[in-house]
C-alpha atoms as a PDB file:
ATOM      1  CA  MET A   1       0.000   0.000   0.000  1.00  0.00           C
ATOM      2  CA  VAL A   2       2.812   2.434   0.887  1.00  0.00           C
ATOM      3  CA  ASP A   3       4.621   1.884  -2.418  1.00  0.00           C
ATOM      4  CA  ALA A   4       1.442   2.440  -4.417  1.00  0.00           C
ATOM      5  CA  LEU A   5       0.665   5.595  -2.457  1.00  0.00           C
ATOM      6  CA  GLU A   6       4.203   6.924  -2.805  1.00  0.00           C
ATOM      7  CA  ASP A   7       3.997   6.548  -6.596  1.00  0.00           C
ATOM      8  CA  GLN A   8       0.837   8.694  -6.638  1.00  0.00           C
ATOM      9  CA  LEU A   9       1.926  11.505  -4.310  1.00  0.00           C
ATOM     10  CA  PRO A  10       3.283  14.809  -5.583  1.00  0.00           C
ATOM     11  CA  SER A  11       6.972  15.420  -5.001  1.00  0.00           C
ATOM     12  CA  GLY A  12       7.595  16.740  -1.527  1.00  0.00           C
ATOM     13  CA  LEU A  13       5.058  14.436   0.116  1.00  0.00           C
ATOM     14  CA  VAL A  14       5.885  11.011   1.542  1.00  0.00           C
ATOM     15  CA  PRO A  15       3.976   8.194   3.213  1.00  0.00           C
ATOM     16  CA  LEU A  16       5.217   6.971   6.602  1.00  0.00           C
ATOM     17  CA  ILE A  17       4.502   3.830   8.593  1.00  0.00           C
ATOM     18  CA  ASP A  18       5.378   2.886  12.180  1.00  0.00           C
ATOM     19  CA  VAL A  19       5.227   6.501  13.359  1.00  0.00           C
ATOM     20  CA  GLU A  20       3.111   7.838  16.217  1.00  0.00           C
ATOM     21  CA  VAL A  21       1.083  11.030  16.492  1.00  0.00           C
ATOM     22  CA  PRO A  22       0.640  12.556  19.968  1.00  0.00           C
ATOM     23  CA  ILE A  23      -3.043  13.087  20.732  1.00  0.00           C
ATOM     24  CA  ARG A  24      -2.816  14.108  24.386  1.00  0.00           C
ATOM     25  CA  ARG A  25       0.363  15.156  26.146  1.00  0.00           C
ATOM     26  CA  GLY A  26       1.254  15.017  29.809  1.00  0.00           C
ATOM     27  CA  PRO A  27       0.907  12.311  32.456  1.00  0.00           C
ATOM     28  CA  ALA A  28      -2.050  10.693  30.680  1.00  0.00           C
ATOM     29  CA  ALA A  29      -0.449  10.944  27.224  1.00  0.00           C
ATOM     30  CA  THR A  30      -2.135   9.237  24.307  1.00  0.00           C
ATOM     31  CA  HIS A  31      -0.530   8.466  20.960  1.00  0.00           C
ATOM     32  CA  ARG A  32      -2.046   7.002  17.823  1.00  0.00           C
ATOM     33  CA  ALA A  33      -0.108   5.189  15.113  1.00  0.00           C
ATOM     34  CA  PRO A  34      -1.988   5.345  11.811  1.00  0.00           C
ATOM     35  CA  ASP A  35      -1.361   2.432   9.480  1.00  0.00           C
ATOM     36  CA  VAL A  36      -0.041   5.011   7.006  1.00  0.00           C
ATOM     37  CA  MET A  37       0.329   8.775   7.227  1.00  0.00           C
ATOM     38  CA  VAL A  38       1.323  11.349   4.631  1.00  0.00           C
ATOM     39  CA  VAL A  39       3.631  14.225   5.569  1.00  0.00           C
ATOM     40  CA  ARG A  40       5.826  16.775   3.840  1.00  0.00           C
ATOM     41  CA  ARG A  41       9.308  15.454   3.069  1.00  0.00           C
ATOM     42  CA  PRO A  42      11.200  17.773   5.504  1.00  0.00           C
ATOM     43  CA  VAL A  43       9.512  15.986   8.435  1.00  0.00           C
ATOM     44  CA  LEU A  44      11.754  13.022   7.621  1.00  0.00           C
ATOM     45  CA  ASP A  45      14.804  15.001   8.736  1.00  0.00           C
ATOM     46  CA  VAL A  46      13.655  14.699  12.336  1.00  0.00           C
ATOM     47  CA  GLU A  47      14.767  11.402  13.828  1.00  0.00           C
ATOM     48  CA  SER A  48      11.822  10.602  16.023  1.00  0.00           C
ATOM     49  CA  PRO A  49       9.200   7.875  16.174  1.00  0.00           C
ATOM     50  CA  ARG A  50       6.595  10.658  16.489  1.00  0.00           C
ATOM     51  CA  VAL A  51       5.277  13.330  14.159  1.00  0.00           C
ATOM     52  CA  ASP A  52       3.568  16.505  15.332  1.00  0.00           C
ATOM     53  CA  PRO A  53      -0.131  16.397  14.370  1.00  0.00           C
ATOM     54  CA  ALA A  54       0.226  19.707  12.503  1.00  0.00           C
ATOM     55  CA  GLU A  55       2.560  17.939  10.044  1.00  0.00           C
ATOM     56  CA  VAL A  56       0.110  15.143   9.176  1.00  0.00           C
ATOM     57  CA  LEU A  57      -1.761  15.747   5.938  1.00  0.00           C
ATOM     58  CA  LEU A  58      -3.482  12.357   5.838  1.00  0.00           C
ATOM     59  CA  ALA A  59      -3.902   9.508   8.323  1.00  0.00           C
ATOM     60  CA  VAL A  60      -4.959   6.127   6.942  1.00  0.00           C
ATOM     61  CA  GLU A  61      -6.449   3.391   9.121  1.00  0.00           C
ATOM     62  CA  VAL A  62      -7.185  -0.100   7.846  1.00  0.00           C
ATOM     63  CA  VAL A  63     -10.456  -1.296   9.324  1.00  0.00           C
ATOM     64  CA  SER A  64     -10.877  -4.950  10.235  1.00  0.00           C
ATOM     65  CA  PRO A  65     -14.043  -6.561  11.624  1.00  0.00           C
ATOM     66  CA  GLY A  66     -12.669  -6.502  15.178  1.00  0.00           C
ATOM     67  CA  SER A  67     -11.590  -2.865  15.099  1.00  0.00           C
ATOM     68  CA  VAL A  68     -14.515  -1.020  13.524  1.00  0.00           C
ATOM     69  CA  SER A  69     -15.462   1.117  16.539  1.00  0.00           C
ATOM     70  CA  THR A  70     -11.827   1.963  17.330  1.00  0.00           C
ATOM     71  CA  GLU A  71     -10.926   2.840  13.747  1.00  0.00           C
ATOM     72  CA  ARG A  72     -14.116   4.628  12.683  1.00  0.00           C
ATOM     73  CA  ILE A  73     -15.111   6.361  15.909  1.00  0.00           C
ATOM     74  CA  LEU A  74     -12.303   6.724  18.448  1.00  0.00           C
ATOM     75  CA  LYS A  75      -9.402   7.354  16.104  1.00  0.00           C
ATOM     76  CA  VAL A  76     -11.398   9.667  13.823  1.00  0.00           C
ATOM     77  CA  ARG A  77     -12.412  11.695  16.903  1.00  0.00           C
ATOM     78  CA  ASP A  78      -8.819  11.800  18.193  1.00  0.00           C
ATOM     79  CA  TYR A  79      -7.376  12.863  14.838  1.00  0.00           C
ATOM     80  CA  ALA A  80      -9.990  15.582  14.439  1.00  0.00           C
ATOM     81  CA  ALA A  81      -9.243  16.884  17.957  1.00  0.00           C
ATOM     82  CA  VAL A  82      -5.621  17.579  16.969  1.00  0.00           C
ATOM     83  CA  GLY A  83      -6.450  19.025  13.548  1.00  0.00           C
ATOM     84  CA  ILE A  84      -5.741  16.077  11.269  1.00  0.00           C
ATOM     85  CA  PRO A  85      -8.214  16.272   8.357  1.00  0.00           C
ATOM     86  CA  ASP A  86     -10.588  13.404   7.720  1.00  0.00           C
END
């Protein structure tokens, strides 16, 4: 999926996997790890397993039968709360 997406993206945008997005910070921190996210290429210069939500242009979640409510309700709500477009 990542290779197909990368071939379709304009130059300057890249898909990432295995990267977290902070949703809530502090003692009760919450992070989400989209199956794939699209960011601007300069974000790759930062060596971190996390990307600031403001840098995420697209978050992709693969929905399986056992994860429908998490993927379609909870994660969509969390992404929207930090400004990631749906």
